[in-house]
Amino acid sequence: MKPHVTCLMLSSLDGRLGSGRTGEGAAEEIKARGKAFETAHDEIGGDGWIIGRVTAQEMSKAKPHPPAEPGRPPRPHHFARRDAPAYGIVVDPSGKVHFETGDIAGDHVVVLLANGVSDAHLAELLADGVSYVVADSAEIDLRAALDVLARELGVKRLLLEGGGGVNGAFLKAGLVDKIVQLVWPSINGITGERTIYEAGEEGLANALQLTQTGCDAQDGVVRLQYKVEMRER
């Protein structure tokens, strides 16, 4: 059975990932935004969290370091750990994210990859203690990947935490059960700044039915909660 997926994001009033603030006070605001997000993350809980390639590269600064002789790493999946308290799941179709260890922030890393990923990259992940799941096609079947995580690791509840592209992909595929959005009291206003939901030219307006299930505010931060259902086509 597919894990329950809650999309948890924090944005400015105009739906941007960053506050856009610079100069005096910017560092303090970034810290406060991070604290608000982590508080919600801990309150909701789950067996792990999901991020995309861009967010993962911001968190992991490692450079490529494939083994000299990669051999033939196992496919379609390899799990370095099956008993982790929590998993950090990275959607990285082309294998562009590198790691120094098998953990991010103490949570065991599982990378979701497309089938074109090289043996050298898989061998690098293997050597670093990172788990991975390789799709059987040029694009990742997100539903099939979640089924593997549920079956192999016993994952039942996940937090989807962006960026906008991966959030949009999960929403478009009908894999998100709930949205919890924290709205920070600021307006970014920068043209082209990344947003928390992105789904190409078709967008998501005709695909989703949202039902509000909660709304509260604390210290100026509004927490919106919605049940997510797919519209009939």
C-alpha atoms as a PDB file:
ATOM      1  CA  MET A   1       0.000   0.000   0.000  1.00  0.00           C
ATOM      2  CA  LYS A   2       1.229   3.494  -0.865  1.00  0.00           C
ATOM      3  CA  PRO A   3       2.590   5.469   2.091  1.00  0.00           C
ATOM      4  CA  HIS A   4       0.546   8.419   3.296  1.00  0.00           C
ATOM      5  CA  VAL A   5       2.198  11.581   1.952  1.00  0.00           C
ATOM      6  CA  THR A   6       1.904  15.025   3.550  1.00  0.00           C
ATOM      7  CA  CYS A   7       3.397  17.919   1.606  1.00  0.00           C
ATOM      8  CA  LEU A   8       4.893  20.315   4.147  1.00  0.00           C
ATOM      9  CA  MET A   9       6.190  23.644   2.862  1.00  0.00           C
ATOM     10  CA  LEU A  10       6.942  27.140   4.136  1.00  0.00           C
ATOM     11  CA  SER A  11       6.509  30.099   1.819  1.00  0.00           C
ATOM     12  CA  SER A  12       6.177  33.851   1.698  1.00  0.00           C
ATOM     13  CA  LEU A  13       2.717  35.322   1.114  1.00  0.00           C
ATOM     14  CA  ASP A  14       3.326  35.111  -2.646  1.00  0.00           C
ATOM     15  CA  GLY A  15       4.209  31.414  -2.529  1.00  0.00           C
ATOM     16  CA  ARG A  16       7.970  31.756  -2.928  1.00  0.00           C
ATOM     17  CA  LEU A  17      10.495  29.439  -1.315  1.00  0.00           C
ATOM     18  CA  GLY A  18      12.815  32.241  -0.224  1.00  0.00           C
ATOM     19  CA  SER A  19      12.006  35.394   1.689  1.00  0.00           C
ATOM     20  CA  GLY A  20      14.009  37.562  -0.691  1.00  0.00           C
ATOM     21  CA  ARG A  21      15.370  39.540   2.246  1.00  0.00           C
ATOM     22  CA  THR A  22      19.000  40.621   2.282  1.00  0.00           C
ATOM     23  CA  GLY A  23      21.175  42.747   4.517  1.00  0.00           C
ATOM     24  CA  GLU A  24      20.597  43.411   8.204  1.00  0.00           C
ATOM     25  CA  GLY A  25      18.262  40.932   9.844  1.00  0.00           C
ATOM     26  CA  ALA A  26      18.299  38.429   6.966  1.00  0.00           C
ATOM     27  CA  ALA A  27      20.265  35.792   8.881  1.00  0.00           C
ATOM     28  CA  GLU A  28      17.937  36.044  11.865  1.00  0.00           C
ATOM     29  CA  GLU A  29      14.879  35.669   9.623  1.00  0.00           C
ATOM     30  CA  ILE A  30      16.328  32.610   7.899  1.00  0.00           C
ATOM     31  CA  LYS A  31      16.963  31.048  11.303  1.00  0.00           C
ATOM     32  CA  ALA A  32      13.426  31.830  12.487  1.00  0.00           C
ATOM     33  CA  ARG A  33      11.897  30.421   9.288  1.00  0.00           C
ATOM     34  CA  GLY A  34      13.934  27.257   9.727  1.00  0.00           C
ATOM     35  CA  LYS A  35      12.791  26.881  13.322  1.00  0.00           C
ATOM     36  CA  ALA A  36       9.112  27.262  12.342  1.00  0.00           C
ATOM     37  CA  PHE A  37       9.516  24.642   9.627  1.00  0.00           C
ATOM     38  CA  GLU A  38      11.356  22.158  11.842  1.00  0.00           C
ATOM     39  CA  THR A  39       8.719  22.546  14.566  1.00  0.00           C
ATOM     40  CA  ALA A  40       5.970  21.611  12.116  1.00  0.00           C
ATOM     41  CA  HIS A  41       8.112  18.777  10.706  1.00  0.00           C
ATOM     42  CA  ASP A  42       8.574  17.279  14.159  1.00  0.00           C
ATOM     43  CA  GLU A  43       4.903  17.705  15.102  1.00  0.00           C
ATOM     44  CA  ILE A  44       3.651  15.925  11.972  1.00  0.00           C
ATOM     45  CA  GLY A  45       6.321  13.221  12.113  1.00  0.00           C
ATOM     46  CA  GLY A  46       6.582  10.157   9.910  1.00  0.00           C
ATOM     47  CA  ASP A  47       8.992   7.537   8.652  1.00  0.00           C
ATOM     48  CA  GLY A  48      10.929   9.918   6.439  1.00  0.00           C
ATOM     49  CA  TRP A  49      10.946  12.926   4.153  1.00  0.00           C
ATOM     50  CA  ILE A  50      11.281  13.535   0.413  1.00  0.00           C
ATOM     51  CA  ILE A  51      13.209  16.274  -1.390  1.00  0.00           C
ATOM     52  CA  GLY A  52      14.274  16.921  -4.982  1.00  0.00           C
ATOM     53  CA  ARG A  53      17.687  17.226  -6.577  1.00  0.00           C
ATOM     54  CA  VAL A  54      18.120  20.996  -6.139  1.00  0.00           C
ATOM     55  CA  THR A  55      17.256  20.918  -2.437  1.00  0.00           C
ATOM     56  CA  ALA A  56      19.507  17.885  -1.927  1.00  0.00           C
ATOM     57  CA  GLN A  57      22.446  19.618  -3.578  1.00  0.00           C
ATOM     58  CA  GLU A  58      21.945  22.571  -1.253  1.00  0.00           C
ATOM     59  CA  MET A  59      22.138  20.191   1.717  1.00  0.00           C
ATOM     60  CA  SER A  60      24.985  17.980   0.481  1.00  0.00           C
ATOM     61  CA  LYS A  61      28.065  19.735  -0.880  1.00  0.00           C
ATOM     62  CA  ALA A  62      29.941  16.539  -1.840  1.00  0.00           C
ATOM     63  CA  LYS A  63      31.726  16.293  -5.195  1.00  0.00           C
ATOM     64  CA  PRO A  64      31.799  13.285  -7.571  1.00  0.00           C
ATOM     65  CA  HIS A  65      34.105  10.536  -6.333  1.00  0.00           C
ATOM     66  CA  PRO A  66      33.290   7.276  -8.161  1.00  0.00           C
ATOM     67  CA  PRO A  67      35.423   4.197  -7.390  1.00  0.00           C
ATOM     68  CA  ALA A  68      38.258   3.495  -9.829  1.00  0.00           C
ATOM     69  CA  GLU A  69      36.682   0.119 -10.614  1.00  0.00           C
ATOM     70  CA  PRO A  70      32.915   0.408 -10.154  1.00  0.00           C
ATOM     71  CA  GLY A  71      32.112  -3.155 -11.175  1.00  0.00           C
ATOM     72  CA  ARG A  72      28.415  -3.978 -11.543  1.00  0.00           C
ATOM     73  CA  PRO A  73      26.433  -2.554  -8.613  1.00  0.00           C
ATOM     74  CA  PRO A  74      23.114  -4.266  -7.858  1.00  0.00           C
ATOM     75  CA  ARG A  75      19.961  -3.134  -9.637  1.00  0.00           C
ATOM     76  CA  PRO A  76      17.082  -2.288  -9.367  1.00  0.00           C
ATOM     77  CA  HIS A  77      17.719  -1.425  -5.735  1.00  0.00           C
ATOM     78  CA  HIS A  78      20.160  -1.647  -2.866  1.00  0.00           C
ATOM     79  CA  PHE A  79      19.399  -0.917   0.784  1.00  0.00           C
ATOM     80  CA  ALA A  80      22.367  -0.223   3.033  1.00  0.00           C
ATOM     81  CA  ARG A  81      19.951   0.004   5.998  1.00  0.00           C
ATOM     82  CA  ARG A  82      16.476  -1.366   6.585  1.00  0.00           C
ATOM     83  CA  ASP A  83      16.113  -0.356  10.230  1.00  0.00           C
ATOM     84  CA  ALA A  84      16.711   3.402  10.186  1.00  0.00           C
ATOM     85  CA  PRO A  85      14.528   5.506  12.519  1.00  0.00           C
ATOM     86  CA  ALA A  86      13.847   7.812   9.553  1.00  0.00           C
ATOM     87  CA  TYR A  87      14.758   8.030   5.871  1.00  0.00           C
ATOM     88  CA  GLY A  88      15.768  11.023   3.749  1.00  0.00           C
ATOM     89  CA  ILE A  89      14.503  10.259   0.236  1.00  0.00           C
ATOM     90  CA  VAL A  90      16.071  12.157  -2.670  1.00  0.00           C
ATOM     91  CA  VAL A  91      14.461  12.252  -6.124  1.00  0.00           C
ATOM     92  CA  ASP A  92      17.474  12.479  -8.446  1.00  0.00           C
ATOM     93  CA  PRO A  93      16.660  10.982 -11.876  1.00  0.00           C
ATOM     94  CA  SER A  94      20.037  11.616 -13.518  1.00  0.00           C
ATOM     95  CA  GLY A  95      22.298  10.882 -10.550  1.00  0.00           C
ATOM     96  CA  LYS A  96      23.660  14.394 -10.029  1.00  0.00           C
ATOM     97  CA  VAL A  97      23.670  14.469  -6.220  1.00  0.00           C
ATOM     98  CA  HIS A  98      26.721  13.165  -4.339  1.00  0.00           C
ATOM     99  CA  PHE A  99      27.150  12.314  -0.680  1.00  0.00           C
ATOM    100  CA  GLU A 100      29.974  11.848   1.795  1.00  0.00           C
ATOM    101  CA  THR A 101      28.067   9.514   4.109  1.00  0.00           C
ATOM    102  CA  GLY A 102      24.837   7.538   4.087  1.00  0.00           C
ATOM    103  CA  ASP A 103      22.995  10.090   6.253  1.00  0.00           C
ATOM    104  CA  ILE A 104      21.608  13.607   5.973  1.00  0.00           C
ATOM    105  CA  ALA A 105      20.890  15.301   9.303  1.00  0.00           C
ATOM    106  CA  GLY A 106      21.024  11.869  10.930  1.00  0.00           C
ATOM    107  CA  ASP A 107      18.449  10.255   8.609  1.00  0.00           C
ATOM    108  CA  HIS A 108      19.468   7.458   6.236  1.00  0.00           C
ATOM    109  CA  VAL A 109      19.523   8.485   2.568  1.00  0.00           C
ATOM    110  CA  VAL A 110      17.599   6.641  -0.148  1.00  0.00           C
ATOM    111  CA  VAL A 111      18.021   7.987  -3.690  1.00  0.00           C
ATOM    112  CA  LEU A 112      15.378   7.463  -6.401  1.00  0.00           C
ATOM    113  CA  LEU A 113      17.005   7.248  -9.851  1.00  0.00           C
ATOM    114  CA  ALA A 114      16.003   6.721 -13.492  1.00  0.00           C
ATOM    115  CA  ASN A 115      17.346   3.694 -15.348  1.00  0.00           C
ATOM    116  CA  GLY A 116      19.934   5.684 -17.298  1.00  0.00           C
ATOM    117  CA  VAL A 117      22.087   6.229 -14.212  1.00  0.00           C
ATOM    118  CA  SER A 118      25.643   4.933 -14.637  1.00  0.00           C
ATOM    119  CA  ASP A 119      27.162   2.010 -12.779  1.00  0.00           C
ATOM    120  CA  ALA A 120      29.908   4.372 -11.646  1.00  0.00           C
ATOM    121  CA  HIS A 121      27.391   6.579  -9.834  1.00  0.00           C
ATOM    122  CA  LEU A 122      25.664   3.580  -8.239  1.00  0.00           C
ATOM    123  CA  ALA A 123      29.058   2.272  -7.096  1.00  0.00           C
ATOM    124  CA  GLU A 124      29.775   5.669  -5.537  1.00  0.00           C
ATOM    125  CA  LEU A 125      26.485   5.576  -3.612  1.00  0.00           C
ATOM    126  CA  LEU A 126      27.182   1.986  -2.584  1.00  0.00           C
ATOM    127  CA  ALA A 127      30.627   2.902  -1.233  1.00  0.00           C
ATOM    128  CA  ASP A 128      29.199   5.859   0.705  1.00  0.00           C
ATOM    129  CA  GLY A 129      26.576   3.696   2.422  1.00  0.00           C
ATOM    130  CA  VAL A 130      23.673   5.276   0.534  1.00  0.00           C
ATOM    131  CA  SER A 131      20.592   3.243  -0.429  1.00  0.00           C
ATOM    132  CA  TYR A 132      19.031   3.596  -3.872  1.00  0.00           C
ATOM    133  CA  VAL A 133      16.117   2.526  -6.060  1.00  0.00           C
ATOM    134  CA  VAL A 134      16.557   2.512  -9.851  1.00  0.00           C
ATOM    135  CA  ALA A 135      13.458   2.843 -12.049  1.00  0.00           C
ATOM    136  CA  ASP A 136      12.916   0.563 -15.033  1.00  0.00           C
ATOM    137  CA  SER A 137      12.414   3.485 -17.427  1.00  0.00           C
ATOM    138  CA  ALA A 138      13.883   6.842 -18.414  1.00  0.00           C
ATOM    139  CA  GLU A 139      11.522   8.582 -15.983  1.00  0.00           C
ATOM    140  CA  ILE A 140      10.892   7.677 -12.360  1.00  0.00           C
ATOM    141  CA  ASP A 141       7.500   6.110 -11.702  1.00  0.00           C
ATOM    142  CA  LEU A 142       6.922   7.819  -8.356  1.00  0.00           C
ATOM    143  CA  ARG A 143       4.034   5.552  -7.360  1.00  0.00           C
ATOM    144  CA  ALA A 144       6.101   2.435  -8.065  1.00  0.00           C
ATOM    145  CA  ALA A 145       9.013   3.917  -6.096  1.00  0.00           C
ATOM    146  CA  LEU A 146       6.766   4.570  -3.078  1.00  0.00           C
ATOM    147  CA  ASP A 147       5.497   0.999  -3.304  1.00  0.00           C
ATOM    148  CA  VAL A 148       9.109  -0.245  -3.129  1.00  0.00           C
ATOM    149  CA  LEU A 149       9.800   1.900  -0.064  1.00  0.00           C
ATOM    150  CA  ALA A 150       6.675   0.588   1.639  1.00  0.00           C
ATOM    151  CA  ARG A 151       7.416  -3.043   0.780  1.00  0.00           C
ATOM    152  CA  GLU A 152      11.154  -3.089   1.426  1.00  0.00           C
ATOM    153  CA  LEU A 153      11.499  -0.602   4.296  1.00  0.00           C
ATOM    154  CA  GLY A 154       8.065  -0.610   5.909  1.00  0.00           C
ATOM    155  CA  VAL A 155       7.584   3.100   5.230  1.00  0.00           C
ATOM    156  CA  LYS A 156       4.020   4.186   6.047  1.00  0.00           C
ATOM    157  CA  ARG A 157       4.079   7.978   6.389  1.00  0.00           C
ATOM    158  CA  LEU A 158       6.253  10.479   4.519  1.00  0.00           C
ATOM    159  CA  LEU A 159       6.715  14.238   4.461  1.00  0.00           C
ATOM    160  CA  LEU A 160       7.174  15.736   0.985  1.00  0.00           C
ATOM    161  CA  GLU A 161       9.327  18.846   1.426  1.00  0.00           C
ATOM    162  CA  GLY A 162      10.178  20.140  -2.048  1.00  0.00           C
ATOM    163  CA  GLY A 163      11.322  21.990  -3.990  1.00  0.00           C
ATOM    164  CA  GLY A 164       8.580  23.088  -6.299  1.00  0.00           C
ATOM    165  CA  GLY A 165       9.304  20.682  -9.148  1.00  0.00           C
ATOM    166  CA  VAL A 166       9.202  17.509  -7.095  1.00  0.00           C
ATOM    167  CA  ASN A 167       6.158  18.771  -5.169  1.00  0.00           C
ATOM    168  CA  GLY A 168       4.371  19.378  -8.458  1.00  0.00           C
ATOM    169  CA  ALA A 169       5.309  15.945  -9.779  1.00  0.00           C
ATOM    170  CA  PHE A 170       3.921  14.168  -6.717  1.00  0.00           C
ATOM    171  CA  LEU A 171       0.725  16.242  -6.782  1.00  0.00           C
ATOM    172  CA  LYS A 172       0.224  15.640 -10.503  1.00  0.00           C
ATOM    173  CA  ALA A 173       0.678  11.892  -9.978  1.00  0.00           C
ATOM    174  CA  GLY A 174      -2.041  11.861  -7.303  1.00  0.00           C
ATOM    175  CA  LEU A 175       0.351  10.788  -4.559  1.00  0.00           C
ATOM    176  CA  VAL A 176      -0.202  13.589  -2.020  1.00  0.00           C
ATOM    177  CA  ASP A 177      -2.859  13.008   0.623  1.00  0.00           C
ATOM    178  CA  LYS A 178      -2.492  16.220   2.609  1.00  0.00           C
ATOM    179  CA  ILE A 179      -0.921  19.678   2.348  1.00  0.00           C
ATOM    180  CA  VAL A 180       0.357  21.619   5.335  1.00  0.00           C
ATOM    181  CA  GLN A 181       1.551  25.051   4.237  1.00  0.00           C
ATOM    182  CA  LEU A 182       3.213  27.542   6.558  1.00  0.00           C
ATOM    183  CA  VAL A 183       2.832  31.123   5.338  1.00  0.00           C
ATOM    184  CA  TRP A 184       5.559  33.415   6.598  1.00  0.00           C
ATOM    185  CA  PRO A 185       4.626  37.108   7.039  1.00  0.00           C
ATOM    186  CA  SER A 186       6.643  38.460   4.121  1.00  0.00           C
ATOM    187  CA  ILE A 187       6.296  39.142   0.408  1.00  0.00           C
ATOM    188  CA  ASN A 188       9.207  38.070  -1.785  1.00  0.00           C
ATOM    189  CA  GLY A 189       8.176  39.708  -5.056  1.00  0.00           C
ATOM    190  CA  ILE A 190      11.318  38.734  -6.996  1.00  0.00           C
ATOM    191  CA  THR A 191      10.508  37.797 -10.590  1.00  0.00           C
ATOM    192  CA  GLY A 192      11.553  34.233 -11.389  1.00  0.00           C
ATOM    193  CA  GLU A 193      12.111  33.182  -7.776  1.00  0.00           C
ATOM    194  CA  ARG A 194      11.324  29.503  -7.165  1.00  0.00           C
ATOM    195  CA  THR A 195       7.798  28.717  -5.973  1.00  0.00           C
ATOM    196  CA  ILE A 196       6.681  25.861  -3.728  1.00  0.00           C
ATOM    197  CA  TYR A 197       4.559  24.131  -6.401  1.00  0.00           C
ATOM    198  CA  GLU A 198       5.562  23.926 -10.067  1.00  0.00           C
ATOM    199  CA  ALA A 199       3.991  21.652 -12.680  1.00  0.00           C
ATOM    200  CA  GLY A 200       4.858  22.964 -16.124  1.00  0.00           C
ATOM    201  CA  GLU A 201       2.529  24.687 -18.577  1.00  0.00           C
ATOM    202  CA  GLU A 202      -0.496  22.547 -17.673  1.00  0.00           C
ATOM    203  CA  GLY A 203      -0.255  23.438 -14.005  1.00  0.00           C
ATOM    204  CA  LEU A 204      -2.398  21.807 -11.324  1.00  0.00           C
ATOM    205  CA  ALA A 205      -5.582  23.906 -11.146  1.00  0.00           C
ATOM    206  CA  ASN A 206      -7.651  21.393 -13.135  1.00  0.00           C
ATOM    207  CA  ALA A 207      -6.151  18.332 -11.445  1.00  0.00           C
ATOM    208  CA  LEU A 208      -6.679  18.889  -7.728  1.00  0.00           C
ATOM    209  CA  GLN A 209      -9.584  19.274  -5.321  1.00  0.00           C
ATOM    210  CA  LEU A 210      -8.495  20.821  -2.004  1.00  0.00           C
ATOM    211  CA  THR A 211     -10.620  20.723   1.142  1.00  0.00           C
ATOM    212  CA  GLN A 212      -9.485  22.865   4.034  1.00  0.00           C
ATOM    213  CA  THR A 213      -9.158  20.886   7.253  1.00  0.00           C
ATOM    214  CA  GLY A 214      -7.399  23.388   9.487  1.00  0.00           C
ATOM    215  CA  CYS A 215      -6.107  26.929   9.899  1.00  0.00           C
ATOM    216  CA  ASP A 216      -4.257  28.494  12.802  1.00  0.00           C
ATOM    217  CA  ALA A 217      -1.629  31.142  13.429  1.00  0.00           C
ATOM    218  CA  GLN A 218       1.239  31.539  15.857  1.00  0.00           C
ATOM    219  CA  ASP A 219       3.797  34.337  16.033  1.00  0.00           C
ATOM    220  CA  GLY A 220       2.600  35.668  12.699  1.00  0.00           C
ATOM    221  CA  VAL A 221       2.988  32.365  10.849  1.00  0.00           C
ATOM    222  CA  VAL A 222      -0.250  30.949   9.406  1.00  0.00           C
ATOM    223  CA  ARG A 223      -0.563  27.162   9.133  1.00  0.00           C
ATOM    224  CA  LEU A 224      -2.997  26.015   6.445  1.00  0.00           C
ATOM    225  CA  GLN A 225      -4.071  22.381   6.127  1.00  0.00           C
ATOM    226  CA  TYR A 226      -5.845  20.751   3.194  1.00  0.00           C
ATOM    227  CA  LYS A 227      -7.018  17.310   2.218  1.00  0.00           C
ATOM    228  CA  VAL A 228      -5.951  16.588  -1.365  1.00  0.00           C
ATOM    229  CA  GLU A 229      -8.039  14.669  -3.901  1.00  0.00           C
ATOM    230  CA  MET A 230      -7.740  14.287  -7.653  1.00  0.00           C
ATOM    231  CA  ARG A 231     -10.514  15.750  -9.806  1.00  0.00           C
ATOM    232  CA  GLU A 232     -12.336  13.337 -12.081  1.00  0.00           C
ATOM    233  CA  ARG A 233     -11.420  13.743 -15.728  1.00  0.00           C
END
